[in-house]
Amino acid sequence: MKAVIISKPGKPEVLQVQERDIPKPKAHEVLIKVKAAGINRPDIIQRKGFYPAPPDAPADIPGLEVSGTITAKGPDVEHWQIGDEVCALVAGGGYAEFVCAPAAQCLPIPEGISLIDAASLPETFFTVWNNIFDIAKFLPGETVLIHGGSSGIGVTAIQMVTAMGGKAIVTAGSTEKCGICESLGAIKAINYNEEDFEEKVMEYTDENGVDIILDMIGGDYGPKNINILKPKGRLVMINAMKGKIAEIDLMRVMKNQLTITGSTLRPKPIDYKGKIAQNLLKHIWPLFDEKIKPVIYTTFPMERATEAHQLMESSKHIGKILLQNTETI
């Protein structure tokens, strides 16, 4: 099979197409013939040499989410059949013509969604459910501030929070991006290049603040986040693009009984991710295509993964970037 590999840590140009053996599914795994794969920030970090793959994933083939057709099964796989079309969360290896996935981390293609577009779903939907709904324990009626509202995570979080009875406020980097976020259901979008999000959130909420913050930025966002959380509010970190060190007011944390938490999903055990998959299937998948939809910015042939990474790093995109195997184009 053909696979996009990281030839050495570095810039997008280190991605190369090579021939590799088709993997064989182990117990509780399925082999997927990949139609498309999603691009995510962890892929960029891995390519740079700072986010190594776990031991059970290919060391040099990135890719955390795919869509495609099951072509083989390992022992003890009962729910899925050869020929089933699925999307799946994987620990790596998605930038290839074939990849093995834990059966528990596969989901059927949602009603009304194409097989290609379904590749955009697993990583962001698993991440948002894990952090907002499981860890932060979202309740209907709560207000969630989502930083990076036009990112893949952002457009997913807006739709999931809104569909589940919450209110989403977002930050984004341009007027265009803010408009897209509001069209997806955000009640307020703040252009962080023109406005101070702390001031605007407090102004918009009549000084009440928000219940939950989903933050992938870190750094100097830390103290502002603490200042705009309601009593018993929850700050959930999923990345730290502006730095892992932040100075916060601990007295405010104690006074308002705030929770500061976060997670990384990739190293979690299969059973943990399998439970997220079941919650998505029960609560979110029935909401396609009326209340939730994929937001795809563009799709590249697998051989142009370098360009896809360049686009991801430019942050010019809105929503998801996909790679598609050329035989399916």
Protein backbone atom coordinates (compact mmCIF):
# COMPACT_ATOMS: atom_id res chain seq x y z
CA MET A 1 0.00 0.00 0.00
CA LYS A 2 0.96 3.67 -0.30
CA ALA A 3 1.40 5.67 2.89
CA VAL A 4 2.45 9.21 3.76
CA ILE A 5 5.39 8.96 6.15
CA ILE A 6 7.37 11.40 8.27
CA SER A 7 10.87 10.94 6.82
CA LYS A 8 12.41 12.96 9.66
CA PRO A 9 11.19 15.62 12.11
CA GLY A 10 10.75 18.96 10.42
CA LYS A 11 8.71 21.16 8.12
CA PRO A 12 5.82 19.92 5.94
CA GLU A 13 8.27 18.97 3.19
CA VAL A 14 9.48 15.98 5.27
CA LEU A 15 6.22 14.17 4.42
CA GLN A 16 6.84 11.59 1.70
CA VAL A 17 4.81 8.86 0.00
CA GLN A 18 6.31 5.38 0.40
CA GLU A 19 5.25 1.79 -0.12
CA ARG A 20 4.46 -0.12 3.07
CA ASP A 21 3.01 -3.52 3.88
CA ILE A 22 -0.72 -3.62 4.45
CA PRO A 23 -1.21 -4.08 8.21
CA LYS A 24 -3.00 -7.14 9.59
CA PRO A 25 -5.77 -6.69 12.14
CA LYS A 26 -5.19 -8.16 15.59
CA ALA A 27 -7.87 -9.32 18.00
CA HIS A 28 -10.69 -6.76 18.36
CA GLU A 29 -9.44 -4.81 15.31
CA VAL A 30 -10.70 -4.27 11.78
CA LEU A 31 -8.75 -3.41 8.64
CA ILE A 32 -10.14 -0.37 6.83
CA LYS A 33 -9.54 0.50 3.18
CA VAL A 34 -9.19 4.25 3.64
CA LYS A 35 -11.34 6.55 1.55
CA ALA A 36 -10.21 9.73 3.32
CA ALA A 37 -8.28 10.87 6.40
CA GLY A 38 -8.62 14.00 8.51
CA ILE A 39 -5.76 16.40 9.29
CA ASN A 40 -5.42 17.50 12.91
CA ARG A 41 -3.07 19.65 14.98
CA PRO A 42 -1.51 16.60 16.69
CA ASP A 43 -0.37 15.45 13.23
CA ILE A 44 1.57 18.70 12.88
CA ILE A 45 3.15 18.31 16.31
CA GLN A 46 4.08 14.69 15.57
CA ARG A 47 5.66 15.71 12.26
CA LYS A 48 7.81 18.24 14.13
CA GLY A 49 9.03 15.50 16.46
CA PHE A 50 7.23 16.52 19.65
CA TYR A 51 4.32 14.06 19.82
CA PRO A 52 5.51 10.50 19.28
CA ALA A 53 3.01 7.81 18.38
CA PRO A 54 2.05 5.34 21.11
CA PRO A 55 3.61 1.86 20.94
CA ASP A 56 0.58 0.29 19.26
CA ALA A 57 0.58 2.75 16.31
CA PRO A 58 2.90 3.17 13.30
CA ALA A 59 5.80 5.35 14.42
CA ASP A 60 6.12 7.39 11.22
CA ILE A 61 2.66 7.38 9.58
CA PRO A 62 0.48 10.18 11.01
CA GLY A 63 -3.30 10.36 10.92
CA LEU A 64 -5.80 10.00 13.76
CA GLU A 65 -9.11 9.65 11.89
CA VAL A 66 -10.28 7.94 8.74
CA SER A 67 -13.32 6.84 6.82
CA GLY A 68 -13.55 3.83 4.56
CA THR A 69 -14.67 0.25 4.12
CA ILE A 70 -13.87 -2.72 6.36
CA THR A 71 -11.96 -5.30 4.31
CA ALA A 72 -10.82 -7.72 7.04
CA LYS A 73 -11.46 -8.51 10.70
CA GLY A 74 -9.27 -9.81 13.49
CA PRO A 75 -10.48 -12.39 16.00
CA ASP A 76 -13.33 -11.50 18.36
CA VAL A 77 -14.89 -8.79 16.18
CA GLU A 78 -18.63 -9.43 16.19
CA HIS A 79 -20.42 -6.13 15.57
CA TRP A 80 -18.80 -5.19 12.24
CA GLN A 81 -18.88 -7.08 8.96
CA ILE A 82 -16.61 -7.00 5.90
CA GLY A 83 -18.01 -4.39 3.53
CA ASP A 84 -19.32 -2.09 6.26
CA GLU A 85 -18.60 1.60 5.72
CA VAL A 86 -17.28 3.30 8.85
CA CYS A 87 -15.39 6.24 10.24
CA ALA A 88 -12.86 5.52 12.97
CA LEU A 89 -10.56 7.07 15.53
CA VAL A 90 -7.07 5.57 15.32
CA ALA A 91 -3.86 6.10 17.31
CA GLY A 92 -1.92 6.73 14.09
CA GLY A 93 -1.45 5.41 10.57
CA GLY A 94 -4.41 7.16 8.97
CA TYR A 95 -2.45 8.73 6.09
CA ALA A 96 -2.41 5.46 4.14
CA GLU A 97 -4.47 3.27 1.83
CA PHE A 98 -5.18 0.83 4.68
CA VAL A 99 -5.18 1.16 8.47
CA CYS A 100 -6.15 -1.06 11.39
CA ALA A 101 -8.62 0.37 13.91
CA PRO A 102 -10.02 -0.95 17.18
CA ALA A 103 -13.54 -2.15 16.45
CA ALA A 104 -14.77 -0.23 19.50
CA GLN A 105 -13.54 3.04 17.99
CA CYS A 106 -15.46 2.65 14.72
CA LEU A 107 -18.77 4.33 14.04
CA PRO A 108 -21.26 3.99 11.19
CA ILE A 109 -21.45 6.79 8.65
CA PRO A 110 -24.13 9.23 9.87
CA GLU A 111 -27.32 9.57 7.89
CA GLY A 112 -26.91 11.95 4.95
CA ILE A 113 -23.10 12.25 5.25
CA SER A 114 -20.78 11.14 2.44
CA LEU A 115 -18.08 8.56 3.10
CA ILE A 116 -15.39 11.15 2.31
CA ASP A 117 -16.82 13.85 4.59
CA ALA A 118 -17.18 11.32 7.43
CA ALA A 119 -13.38 11.30 7.76
CA SER A 120 -13.69 14.74 9.36
CA LEU A 121 -15.71 13.48 12.32
CA PRO A 122 -13.92 11.11 14.73
CA GLU A 123 -11.05 13.14 16.19
CA THR A 124 -13.02 16.31 16.83
CA PHE A 125 -16.27 14.66 17.93
CA PHE A 126 -14.51 12.26 20.32
CA THR A 127 -12.46 15.18 21.71
CA VAL A 128 -15.41 17.53 22.21
CA TRP A 129 -17.58 14.85 23.83
CA ASN A 130 -14.73 13.78 26.12
CA ASN A 131 -13.92 17.28 27.31
CA ILE A 132 -17.20 19.22 27.35
CA PHE A 133 -19.67 16.46 28.12
CA ASP A 134 -17.69 13.89 30.13
CA ILE A 135 -14.99 15.92 31.89
CA ALA A 136 -16.71 19.32 32.24
CA LYS A 137 -20.12 17.65 32.77
CA PHE A 138 -22.05 20.05 30.55
CA LEU A 139 -25.70 20.62 31.42
CA PRO A 140 -28.42 21.95 29.09
CA GLY A 141 -28.78 25.72 29.38
CA GLU A 142 -25.10 26.34 30.17
CA THR A 143 -22.93 28.78 28.25
CA VAL A 144 -19.65 27.51 26.78
CA LEU A 145 -16.82 29.72 25.54
CA ILE A 146 -14.95 27.99 22.72
CA HIS A 147 -11.57 29.39 21.74
CA GLY A 148 -10.57 28.82 18.13
CA GLY A 149 -14.19 28.69 17.05
CA SER A 150 -13.43 28.24 13.34
CA SER A 151 -11.05 25.31 13.85
CA GLY A 152 -12.13 21.71 13.38
CA ILE A 153 -12.65 21.39 17.13
CA GLY A 154 -14.39 24.76 17.23
CA VAL A 155 -17.01 24.15 14.54
CA THR A 156 -17.74 20.76 16.11
CA ALA A 157 -18.10 22.17 19.62
CA ILE A 158 -20.42 24.97 18.47
CA GLN A 159 -22.81 22.51 16.86
CA MET A 160 -22.70 19.90 19.64
CA VAL A 161 -23.24 22.42 22.45
CA THR A 162 -26.08 24.11 20.58
CA ALA A 163 -27.74 20.82 19.60
CA MET A 164 -27.58 19.61 23.20
CA GLY A 165 -29.33 22.69 24.56
CA GLY A 166 -26.43 24.99 25.41
CA LYS A 167 -25.22 28.40 24.26
CA ALA A 168 -21.87 28.80 22.50
CA ILE A 169 -19.69 31.90 22.52
CA VAL A 170 -16.53 31.74 20.43
CA THR A 171 -13.31 33.55 19.63
CA ALA A 172 -11.98 33.60 16.07
CA GLY A 173 -9.38 35.54 14.11
CA SER A 174 -11.36 37.38 11.40
CA THR A 175 -14.75 38.83 10.55
CA GLU A 176 -15.29 36.03 8.03
CA LYS A 177 -14.50 33.33 10.60
CA CYS A 178 -16.78 34.98 13.17
CA GLY A 179 -19.60 35.02 10.63
CA ILE A 180 -19.20 31.32 9.89
CA CYS A 181 -19.23 30.51 13.61
CA GLU A 182 -22.48 32.42 14.11
CA SER A 183 -24.02 30.71 11.08
CA LEU A 184 -23.28 27.37 12.80
CA GLY A 185 -25.12 28.45 15.94
CA ALA A 186 -22.77 30.54 18.08
CA ILE A 187 -24.71 33.27 19.89
CA LYS A 188 -21.67 35.56 19.89
CA ALA A 189 -18.36 35.49 17.99
CA ILE A 190 -15.48 37.70 19.11
CA ASN A 191 -12.66 38.67 16.75
CA TYR A 192 -9.63 38.31 19.03
CA ASN A 193 -7.50 40.39 16.64
CA GLU A 194 -9.75 43.41 17.14
CA GLU A 195 -11.38 42.97 20.55
CA ASP A 196 -10.44 41.83 24.06
CA PHE A 197 -12.37 38.61 24.57
CA GLU A 198 -12.47 39.00 28.36
CA GLU A 199 -14.15 42.39 28.11
CA LYS A 200 -16.56 41.29 25.38
CA VAL A 201 -17.62 38.09 27.12
CA MET A 202 -18.37 39.92 30.37
CA GLU A 203 -20.19 42.69 28.48
CA TYR A 204 -22.28 40.21 26.49
CA THR A 205 -23.19 38.12 29.55
CA ASP A 206 -24.08 41.15 31.71
CA GLU A 207 -20.96 40.49 33.84
CA ASN A 208 -22.10 36.94 34.63
CA GLY A 209 -19.44 35.09 32.65
CA VAL A 210 -19.62 31.54 31.29
CA ASP A 211 -20.01 28.06 32.74
CA ILE A 212 -17.38 26.21 30.70
CA ILE A 213 -14.35 27.25 28.63
CA LEU A 214 -12.79 24.94 26.04
CA ASP A 215 -9.29 26.27 25.44
CA MET A 216 -6.64 25.14 22.97
CA ILE A 217 -4.59 28.35 23.26
CA GLY A 218 -3.10 28.51 26.77
CA GLY A 219 -0.41 31.03 27.63
CA ASP A 220 -1.75 34.50 28.40
CA TYR A 221 -5.34 33.30 27.88
CA GLY A 222 -5.08 31.65 31.30
CA PRO A 223 -5.78 34.61 33.61
CA LYS A 224 -8.51 35.96 31.30
CA ASN A 225 -10.22 32.57 31.30
CA ILE A 226 -10.24 32.47 35.09
CA ASN A 227 -11.72 35.96 35.24
CA ILE A 228 -14.72 35.14 33.05
CA LEU A 229 -15.79 31.85 34.62
CA LYS A 230 -18.94 31.81 36.72
CA PRO A 231 -18.78 30.37 40.24
CA LYS A 232 -18.23 26.59 39.90
CA GLY A 233 -17.14 27.16 36.30
CA ARG A 234 -14.88 24.72 34.49
CA LEU A 235 -11.81 25.48 32.35
CA VAL A 236 -10.87 22.54 30.13
CA MET A 237 -7.52 22.59 28.32
CA ILE A 238 -6.95 20.54 25.17
CA ASN A 239 -3.81 22.26 23.81
CA ALA A 240 -1.46 25.13 24.66
CA MET A 241 -0.59 26.76 21.34
CA LYS A 242 0.56 29.99 23.02
CA GLY A 243 2.50 28.25 25.75
CA LYS A 244 2.09 25.76 28.58
CA ILE A 245 2.86 28.25 31.37
CA ALA A 246 0.15 30.60 32.67
CA GLU A 247 -0.19 32.87 35.70
CA ILE A 248 -3.59 32.66 37.37
CA ASP A 249 -5.32 34.12 40.42
CA LEU A 250 -5.52 31.18 42.83
CA MET A 251 -7.63 33.15 45.29
CA ARG A 252 -10.26 33.59 42.59
CA VAL A 253 -10.11 29.87 41.85
CA MET A 254 -10.74 29.08 45.53
CA LYS A 255 -13.35 31.78 46.08
CA ASN A 256 -15.43 30.73 43.06
CA GLN A 257 -14.81 26.97 43.37
CA LEU A 258 -13.42 26.82 39.85
CA THR A 259 -12.20 23.65 38.19
CA ILE A 260 -9.12 23.70 35.95
CA THR A 261 -8.66 20.47 34.04
CA GLY A 262 -7.88 19.05 30.61
CA SER A 263 -6.99 15.92 28.72
CA THR A 264 -5.10 14.26 25.90
CA LEU A 265 -7.18 11.62 24.16
CA ARG A 266 -4.60 9.74 22.10
CA PRO A 267 -2.99 7.73 24.93
CA LYS A 268 -6.29 6.75 26.56
CA PRO A 269 -7.16 3.02 26.51
CA ILE A 270 -9.47 1.55 23.90
CA ASP A 271 -12.24 0.89 26.43
CA TYR A 272 -12.24 4.59 27.37
CA LYS A 273 -12.56 5.68 23.73
CA GLY A 274 -15.11 2.96 23.07
CA LYS A 275 -17.42 4.46 25.69
CA ILE A 276 -17.13 7.84 23.97
CA ALA A 277 -18.04 6.17 20.67
CA GLN A 278 -21.18 4.70 22.22
CA ASN A 279 -22.21 8.07 23.64
CA LEU A 280 -21.71 9.71 20.24
CA LEU A 281 -23.76 7.01 18.57
CA LYS A 282 -26.57 7.43 21.10
CA HIS A 283 -26.67 11.20 21.58
CA ILE A 284 -25.02 12.88 18.57
CA TRP A 285 -25.26 10.63 15.49
CA PRO A 286 -29.11 10.91 15.38
CA LEU A 287 -28.70 14.71 15.06
CA PHE A 288 -27.06 14.47 11.62
CA ASP A 289 -27.89 16.00 9.13
CA GLU A 290 -30.54 18.36 10.58
CA LYS A 291 -28.75 19.88 13.58
CA ILE A 292 -25.13 18.86 12.95
CA LYS A 293 -23.08 18.67 9.77
CA PRO A 294 -19.42 18.30 8.79
CA VAL A 295 -17.63 21.54 7.96
CA ILE A 296 -15.04 20.77 5.27
CA TYR A 297 -12.70 23.50 4.08
CA THR A 298 -10.92 21.53 1.35
CA THR A 299 -9.72 18.08 0.36
CA PHE A 300 -6.27 17.20 -1.00
CA PRO A 301 -5.07 14.01 -2.70
CA MET A 302 -3.01 11.94 -0.26
CA GLU A 303 0.12 12.70 -2.30
CA ARG A 304 -0.28 16.41 -1.48
CA ALA A 305 -0.12 15.99 2.29
CA THR A 306 2.66 18.58 2.41
CA GLU A 307 0.31 21.26 1.06
CA ALA A 308 -2.41 20.15 3.47
CA HIS A 309 -0.04 20.61 6.42
CA GLN A 310 1.05 24.00 5.13
CA LEU A 311 -2.58 25.10 5.01
CA MET A 312 -3.25 23.77 8.50
CA GLU A 313 -0.29 25.71 9.89
CA SER A 314 -1.38 28.91 8.13
CA SER A 315 -4.69 28.84 10.08
CA LYS A 316 -6.44 30.25 7.00
CA HIS A 317 -8.91 27.38 6.92
CA ILE A 318 -12.36 27.15 8.50
CA GLY A 319 -13.33 23.67 9.62
CA LYS A 320 -11.61 20.49 8.52
CA ILE A 321 -8.92 19.65 5.96
CA LEU A 322 -9.02 16.15 4.46
CA LEU A 323 -6.72 13.85 2.51
CA GLN A 324 -8.33 11.54 -0.04
CA ASN A 325 -6.84 8.46 -1.61
CA THR A 326 -6.32 9.19 -5.31
CA GLU A 327 -8.05 6.07 -6.56
CA THR A 328 -11.30 7.43 -5.12
CA ILE A 329 -11.04 10.92 -6.63
